[in-house]
Amino acid sequence: FIQKEYPDLKTLNPALPIYVRPSENASPFIAVRYDRGVYQKRSTADLSPAQISTSLKELSELSSQITASQSQKEASGGGAFKPAYIV
């Protein structure tokens, strides 16, 4: 997935850090950390490229939901959420 999709991911998201850490006997996963400590992790073991893309889209949509939720808190003095990176 990474070999095929990485160029498009970087083209569409040039400021988004993407880290790839190869390791023997490790289960593959996507981890997203948003500002203010919000963290999501999804396993990609045994998923097709289409399923991995779906997971990425869901995590991106979650960013919008977190931002919307935080906007309500901002009215009472909180800060905004922004996606930090995908691992």
N, C-alpha and C. Protein backbone atom coordinates (compact mmCIF):
# COMPACT_ATOMS: atom_id res chain seq x y z
N PHE A 1 0.83 -1.20 0.00
CA PHE A 1 0.00 0.00 0.00
C PHE A 1 0.87 1.26 0.00
N ILE A 2 1.84 1.30 0.89
CA ILE A 2 2.69 2.50 1.01
C ILE A 2 3.45 2.76 -0.28
N GLN A 3 4.01 1.73 -0.89
CA GLN A 3 4.77 1.93 -2.13
C GLN A 3 3.91 2.52 -3.23
N LYS A 4 2.68 2.10 -3.30
CA LYS A 4 1.80 2.57 -4.37
C LYS A 4 1.14 3.92 -4.05
N GLU A 5 0.70 4.10 -2.82
CA GLU A 5 -0.12 5.26 -2.45
C GLU A 5 0.65 6.44 -1.87
N TYR A 6 1.86 6.21 -1.39
CA TYR A 6 2.62 7.29 -0.75
C TYR A 6 2.75 8.54 -1.63
N PRO A 7 3.12 8.42 -2.90
CA PRO A 7 3.25 9.64 -3.72
C PRO A 7 1.97 10.47 -3.76
N ASP A 8 0.83 9.81 -3.92
CA ASP A 8 -0.44 10.55 -3.93
C ASP A 8 -0.77 11.15 -2.57
N LEU A 9 -0.51 10.41 -1.50
CA LEU A 9 -0.77 10.94 -0.16
C LEU A 9 0.04 12.21 0.08
N LYS A 10 1.31 12.20 -0.30
CA LYS A 10 2.16 13.37 -0.10
C LYS A 10 1.77 14.52 -1.02
N THR A 11 1.36 14.21 -2.24
CA THR A 11 0.94 15.26 -3.16
C THR A 11 -0.31 15.96 -2.64
N LEU A 12 -1.25 15.18 -2.13
CA LEU A 12 -2.50 15.73 -1.63
C LEU A 12 -2.36 16.37 -0.24
N ASN A 13 -1.35 15.94 0.50
CA ASN A 13 -1.15 16.41 1.88
C ASN A 13 0.32 16.75 2.11
N PRO A 14 0.84 17.76 1.44
CA PRO A 14 2.29 18.01 1.51
C PRO A 14 2.81 18.34 2.91
N ALA A 15 1.99 18.90 3.77
CA ALA A 15 2.45 19.27 5.11
C ALA A 15 2.24 18.15 6.13
N LEU A 16 1.62 17.06 5.73
CA LEU A 16 1.31 15.96 6.65
C LEU A 16 2.50 15.03 6.79
N PRO A 17 3.10 14.94 7.98
CA PRO A 17 4.19 13.99 8.16
C PRO A 17 3.67 12.55 8.11
N ILE A 18 4.31 11.73 7.32
CA ILE A 18 3.96 10.31 7.23
C ILE A 18 5.21 9.53 7.57
N TYR A 19 5.13 8.73 8.61
CA TYR A 19 6.27 7.95 9.06
C TYR A 19 6.04 6.49 8.74
N VAL A 20 7.04 5.85 8.16
CA VAL A 20 6.98 4.41 7.87
C VAL A 20 8.14 3.79 8.62
N ARG A 21 7.82 2.87 9.49
CA ARG A 21 8.85 2.23 10.30
C ARG A 21 8.77 0.72 10.10
N PRO A 22 9.60 0.19 9.21
CA PRO A 22 9.58 -1.26 9.00
C PRO A 22 10.12 -1.99 10.22
N SER A 23 9.48 -3.10 10.54
CA SER A 23 9.90 -3.89 11.69
C SER A 23 9.45 -5.33 11.49
N GLU A 24 10.34 -6.25 11.79
CA GLU A 24 9.97 -7.66 11.69
C GLU A 24 8.99 -8.03 12.80
N ASN A 25 8.05 -8.88 12.45
CA ASN A 25 7.07 -9.41 13.40
C ASN A 25 6.19 -8.35 14.05
N ALA A 26 6.06 -7.20 13.44
CA ALA A 26 5.17 -6.17 13.97
C ALA A 26 3.90 -6.13 13.13
N SER A 27 2.79 -5.90 13.79
CA SER A 27 1.52 -5.78 13.07
C SER A 27 1.41 -4.38 12.49
N PRO A 28 1.02 -4.26 11.22
CA PRO A 28 0.90 -2.93 10.63
C PRO A 28 -0.32 -2.18 11.17
N PHE A 29 -0.18 -0.85 11.26
CA PHE A 29 -1.28 -0.04 11.74
C PHE A 29 -1.14 1.39 11.24
N ILE A 30 -2.23 2.12 11.36
CA ILE A 30 -2.25 3.56 11.11
C ILE A 30 -2.54 4.20 12.46
N ALA A 31 -1.75 5.18 12.82
CA ALA A 31 -2.01 5.93 14.05
C ALA A 31 -2.09 7.40 13.70
N VAL A 32 -3.08 8.06 14.24
CA VAL A 32 -3.26 9.49 13.99
C VAL A 32 -3.30 10.19 15.34
N ARG A 33 -2.49 11.22 15.45
CA ARG A 33 -2.53 12.03 16.67
C ARG A 33 -3.00 13.42 16.29
N TYR A 34 -4.03 13.85 16.98
CA TYR A 34 -4.57 15.19 16.79
C TYR A 34 -4.05 16.06 17.92
N ASP A 35 -4.16 17.37 17.77
CA ASP A 35 -3.76 18.26 18.85
C ASP A 35 -4.55 17.94 20.11
N ARG A 36 -4.02 18.36 21.23
CA ARG A 36 -4.65 18.19 22.54
C ARG A 36 -4.79 16.74 22.98
N GLY A 37 -3.91 15.88 22.47
CA GLY A 37 -3.84 14.51 22.96
C GLY A 37 -4.85 13.52 22.43
N VAL A 38 -5.63 13.88 21.44
CA VAL A 38 -6.57 12.92 20.86
C VAL A 38 -5.78 12.00 19.93
N TYR A 39 -5.92 10.69 20.14
CA TYR A 39 -5.12 9.69 19.43
C TYR A 39 -6.02 8.56 18.97
N GLN A 40 -5.87 8.16 17.73
CA GLN A 40 -6.62 7.03 17.18
C GLN A 40 -5.63 6.07 16.53
N LYS A 41 -5.87 4.78 16.70
CA LYS A 41 -5.01 3.76 16.10
C LYS A 41 -5.89 2.69 15.47
N ARG A 42 -5.57 2.34 14.22
CA ARG A 42 -6.33 1.31 13.50
C ARG A 42 -5.37 0.27 12.93
N SER A 43 -5.67 -0.97 13.16
CA SER A 43 -4.88 -2.05 12.58
C SER A 43 -5.14 -2.13 11.09
N THR A 44 -4.09 -2.42 10.32
CA THR A 44 -4.23 -2.62 8.88
C THR A 44 -3.83 -4.04 8.47
N ALA A 45 -3.63 -4.90 9.47
CA ALA A 45 -3.26 -6.29 9.19
C ALA A 45 -4.36 -6.96 8.37
N ASP A 46 -3.98 -7.60 7.33
CA ASP A 46 -4.88 -8.36 6.46
C ASP A 46 -5.93 -7.50 5.75
N LEU A 47 -5.71 -6.20 5.65
CA LEU A 47 -6.64 -5.34 4.93
C LEU A 47 -6.17 -5.14 3.49
N SER A 48 -7.12 -5.00 2.60
CA SER A 48 -6.80 -4.70 1.20
C SER A 48 -6.44 -3.22 1.09
N PRO A 49 -5.80 -2.80 0.00
CA PRO A 49 -5.52 -1.38 -0.19
C PRO A 49 -6.78 -0.52 -0.11
N ALA A 50 -7.88 -1.01 -0.63
CA ALA A 50 -9.14 -0.25 -0.57
C ALA A 50 -9.60 -0.08 0.88
N GLN A 51 -9.45 -1.11 1.69
CA GLN A 51 -9.85 -1.03 3.09
C GLN A 51 -8.94 -0.08 3.87
N ILE A 52 -7.65 -0.06 3.53
CA ILE A 52 -6.72 0.87 4.18
C ILE A 52 -7.11 2.30 3.81
N SER A 53 -7.43 2.52 2.55
CA SER A 53 -7.87 3.85 2.12
C SER A 53 -9.13 4.29 2.87
N THR A 54 -10.04 3.36 3.06
CA THR A 54 -11.26 3.66 3.81
C THR A 54 -10.93 4.07 5.24
N SER A 55 -9.99 3.36 5.87
CA SER A 55 -9.57 3.71 7.23
C SER A 55 -8.97 5.11 7.28
N LEU A 56 -8.16 5.45 6.28
CA LEU A 56 -7.58 6.79 6.22
C LEU A 56 -8.66 7.85 6.08
N LYS A 57 -9.65 7.58 5.24
CA LYS A 57 -10.75 8.53 5.06
C LYS A 57 -11.54 8.69 6.34
N GLU A 58 -11.81 7.60 7.03
CA GLU A 58 -12.55 7.67 8.29
C GLU A 58 -11.79 8.49 9.32
N LEU A 59 -10.48 8.31 9.39
CA LEU A 59 -9.67 9.08 10.34
C LEU A 59 -9.66 10.56 9.97
N SER A 60 -9.66 10.85 8.68
CA SER A 60 -9.73 12.23 8.23
C SER A 60 -11.08 12.85 8.60
N GLU A 61 -12.15 12.10 8.40
CA GLU A 61 -13.49 12.59 8.77
C GLU A 61 -13.61 12.79 10.27
N LEU A 62 -12.95 11.92 11.03
CA LEU A 62 -12.96 12.05 12.48
C LEU A 62 -12.33 13.38 12.88
N SER A 63 -11.32 13.80 12.15
CA SER A 63 -10.69 15.09 12.42
C SER A 63 -11.72 16.21 12.33
N SER A 64 -12.56 16.16 11.30
CA SER A 64 -13.60 17.18 11.14
C SER A 64 -14.59 17.14 12.30
N GLN A 65 -14.95 15.95 12.75
CA GLN A 65 -15.88 15.81 13.87
C GLN A 65 -15.27 16.36 15.15
N ILE A 66 -14.00 16.07 15.36
CA ILE A 66 -13.31 16.56 16.56
C ILE A 66 -13.25 18.08 16.52
N THR A 67 -12.93 18.62 15.34
CA THR A 67 -12.86 20.07 15.18
C THR A 67 -14.21 20.71 15.46
N ALA A 68 -15.29 20.12 14.93
CA ALA A 68 -16.63 20.65 15.16
C ALA A 68 -16.98 20.60 16.64
N SER A 69 -16.67 19.49 17.28
CA SER A 69 -16.93 19.35 18.71
C SER A 69 -16.14 20.37 19.51
N GLN A 70 -14.88 20.57 19.09
CA GLN A 70 -14.04 21.52 19.81
C GLN A 70 -14.52 22.95 19.59
N SER A 71 -15.10 23.25 18.43
CA SER A 71 -15.60 24.60 18.16
C SER A 71 -16.65 24.99 19.19
N GLN A 72 -17.46 24.02 19.59
CA GLN A 72 -18.46 24.29 20.62
C GLN A 72 -17.78 24.63 21.94
N LYS A 73 -16.66 23.93 22.23
CA LYS A 73 -15.94 24.18 23.47
C LYS A 73 -15.21 25.53 23.43
N GLU A 74 -14.81 25.96 22.22
CA GLU A 74 -14.10 27.23 22.10
C GLU A 74 -14.93 28.39 22.61
N ALA A 75 -16.23 28.29 22.44
CA ALA A 75 -17.11 29.35 22.91
C ALA A 75 -16.98 29.53 24.42
N SER A 76 -16.57 28.45 25.10
CA SER A 76 -16.38 28.54 26.55
C SER A 76 -14.91 28.54 26.93
N GLY A 77 -14.02 28.89 25.97
CA GLY A 77 -12.61 29.10 26.29
C GLY A 77 -11.65 28.00 25.88
N GLY A 78 -12.09 26.94 25.16
CA GLY A 78 -11.19 25.87 24.74
C GLY A 78 -10.46 26.21 23.46
N GLY A 79 -9.56 25.34 23.01
CA GLY A 79 -8.81 25.54 21.77
C GLY A 79 -9.26 24.61 20.68
N ALA A 80 -8.80 24.80 19.45
CA ALA A 80 -9.22 24.00 18.30
C ALA A 80 -8.34 22.76 18.13
N PHE A 81 -8.90 21.71 17.57
CA PHE A 81 -8.15 20.51 17.23
C PHE A 81 -7.70 20.61 15.78
N LYS A 82 -6.52 20.09 15.51
CA LYS A 82 -6.01 19.98 14.14
C LYS A 82 -5.28 18.66 14.04
N PRO A 83 -5.37 17.94 12.90
CA PRO A 83 -4.63 16.69 12.79
C PRO A 83 -3.14 16.95 12.91
N ALA A 84 -2.45 16.13 13.68
CA ALA A 84 -1.02 16.32 13.86
C ALA A 84 -0.23 15.48 12.87
N TYR A 85 -0.49 14.18 12.76
CA TYR A 85 0.20 13.36 11.77
C TYR A 85 -0.42 11.97 11.68
N ILE A 86 -0.07 11.27 10.64
CA ILE A 86 -0.45 9.87 10.48
C ILE A 86 0.82 9.05 10.53
N VAL A 87 0.81 8.00 11.32
CA VAL A 87 1.98 7.13 11.44
C VAL A 87 1.72 5.88 10.64
